[in-house]
Amino acid sequence: MSRHDALPPALRRWVIHAALPWSARSVLRIWTRALQQGQSEDEALARLDAAERATLRRESFGCA
């Protein structure tokens, strides 16, 4: 839990509302990569949304 507490505030808020149980390491990796590529925080959050949608889509195809 302390790793989640150490996340940047915007990222912590995103994790709280996420549909999946993301690890702090996973979200921080996506977040950091987006920011290093020059994206804004909003764009980094959008990237996380896209990653979550893709994961949910993959999981829904696996459950038939």
C-alpha atoms as a PDB file:
ATOM      1  CA  MET A   1       0.000   0.000   0.000  1.00  0.00           C
ATOM      2  CA  SER A   2       2.833   2.405   0.702  1.00  0.00           C
ATOM      3  CA  ARG A   3       3.911   2.174  -2.940  1.00  0.00           C
ATOM      4  CA  HIS A   4       0.467   3.358  -3.987  1.00  0.00           C
ATOM      5  CA  ASP A   5       0.644   6.156  -1.421  1.00  0.00           C
ATOM      6  CA  ALA A   6       3.899   7.344  -2.996  1.00  0.00           C
ATOM      7  CA  LEU A   7       2.362   7.758  -6.467  1.00  0.00           C
ATOM      8  CA  PRO A   8       1.808  11.281  -7.813  1.00  0.00           C
ATOM      9  CA  PRO A   9      -1.643  12.596  -6.785  1.00  0.00           C
ATOM     10  CA  ALA A  10      -3.180  12.453 -10.279  1.00  0.00           C
ATOM     11  CA  LEU A  11      -1.972   8.903 -10.731  1.00  0.00           C
ATOM     12  CA  ARG A  12      -3.206   7.876  -7.290  1.00  0.00           C
ATOM     13  CA  ARG A  13      -6.662   9.221  -8.157  1.00  0.00           C
ATOM     14  CA  TRP A  14      -6.629   7.255 -11.406  1.00  0.00           C
ATOM     15  CA  VAL A  15      -5.753   4.012  -9.593  1.00  0.00           C
ATOM     16  CA  ILE A  16      -8.567   4.538  -7.081  1.00  0.00           C
ATOM     17  CA  HIS A  17     -11.125   4.665  -9.904  1.00  0.00           C
ATOM     18  CA  ALA A  18      -9.555   2.018 -12.134  1.00  0.00           C
ATOM     19  CA  ALA A  19     -11.625  -1.015 -13.059  1.00  0.00           C
ATOM     20  CA  LEU A  20      -8.662  -3.346 -12.606  1.00  0.00           C
ATOM     21  CA  PRO A  21      -6.399  -3.876  -9.578  1.00  0.00           C
ATOM     22  CA  TRP A  22      -3.274  -2.217 -10.986  1.00  0.00           C
ATOM     23  CA  SER A  23       0.037  -2.511  -9.197  1.00  0.00           C
ATOM     24  CA  ALA A  24       1.857   0.696  -8.367  1.00  0.00           C
ATOM     25  CA  ARG A  25       4.800  -0.527 -10.416  1.00  0.00           C
ATOM     26  CA  SER A  26       2.696  -1.073 -13.552  1.00  0.00           C
ATOM     27  CA  VAL A  27       0.930   2.269 -13.504  1.00  0.00           C
ATOM     28  CA  LEU A  28       4.102   4.135 -12.638  1.00  0.00           C
ATOM     29  CA  ARG A  29       5.909   2.510 -15.576  1.00  0.00           C
ATOM     30  CA  ILE A  30       3.210   3.608 -18.051  1.00  0.00           C
ATOM     31  CA  TRP A  31       2.982   7.069 -16.452  1.00  0.00           C
ATOM     32  CA  THR A  32       6.737   7.649 -16.446  1.00  0.00           C
ATOM     33  CA  ARG A  33       7.175   6.459 -20.019  1.00  0.00           C
ATOM     34  CA  ALA A  34       4.436   8.811 -21.218  1.00  0.00           C
ATOM     35  CA  LEU A  35       5.932  11.797 -19.412  1.00  0.00           C
ATOM     36  CA  GLN A  36       9.430  10.976 -20.674  1.00  0.00           C
ATOM     37  CA  GLN A  37       8.027  11.002 -24.198  1.00  0.00           C
ATOM     38  CA  GLY A  38       6.825  14.557 -23.661  1.00  0.00           C
ATOM     39  CA  GLN A  39       3.186  13.817 -22.960  1.00  0.00           C
ATOM     40  CA  SER A  40       1.207  15.833 -20.442  1.00  0.00           C
ATOM     41  CA  GLU A  41      -0.282  14.326 -17.291  1.00  0.00           C
ATOM     42  CA  ASP A  42      -3.684  14.230 -19.005  1.00  0.00           C
ATOM     43  CA  GLU A  43      -2.178  12.375 -21.949  1.00  0.00           C
ATOM     44  CA  ALA A  44      -0.448   9.952 -19.585  1.00  0.00           C
ATOM     45  CA  LEU A  45      -3.779   9.290 -17.878  1.00  0.00           C
ATOM     46  CA  ALA A  46      -5.372   8.730 -21.284  1.00  0.00           C
ATOM     47  CA  ARG A  47      -2.634   6.204 -22.031  1.00  0.00           C
ATOM     48  CA  LEU A  48      -3.500   4.395 -18.801  1.00  0.00           C
ATOM     49  CA  ASP A  49      -7.180   4.424 -19.782  1.00  0.00           C
ATOM     50  CA  ALA A  50      -6.267   2.896 -23.133  1.00  0.00           C
ATOM     51  CA  ALA A  51      -4.127   0.217 -21.493  1.00  0.00           C
ATOM     52  CA  GLU A  52      -6.957  -0.657 -19.147  1.00  0.00           C
ATOM     53  CA  ARG A  53      -9.508  -0.836 -21.978  1.00  0.00           C
ATOM     54  CA  ALA A  54      -7.190  -3.100 -23.958  1.00  0.00           C
ATOM     55  CA  THR A  55      -6.724  -5.390 -20.961  1.00  0.00           C
ATOM     56  CA  LEU A  56     -10.452  -5.561 -20.302  1.00  0.00           C
ATOM     57  CA  ARG A  57     -11.081  -6.302 -23.967  1.00  0.00           C
ATOM     58  CA  ARG A  58      -8.539  -9.144 -23.934  1.00  0.00           C
ATOM     59  CA  GLU A  59     -10.044 -10.565 -20.755  1.00  0.00           C
ATOM     60  CA  SER A  60     -13.575 -10.420 -22.142  1.00  0.00           C
ATOM     61  CA  PHE A  61     -12.529 -12.429 -25.200  1.00  0.00           C
ATOM     62  CA  GLY A  62     -10.958 -15.034 -22.948  1.00  0.00           C
ATOM     63  CA  CYS A  63     -14.176 -15.554 -20.969  1.00  0.00           C
ATOM     64  CA  ALA A  64     -16.591 -17.296 -23.295  1.00  0.00           C
END
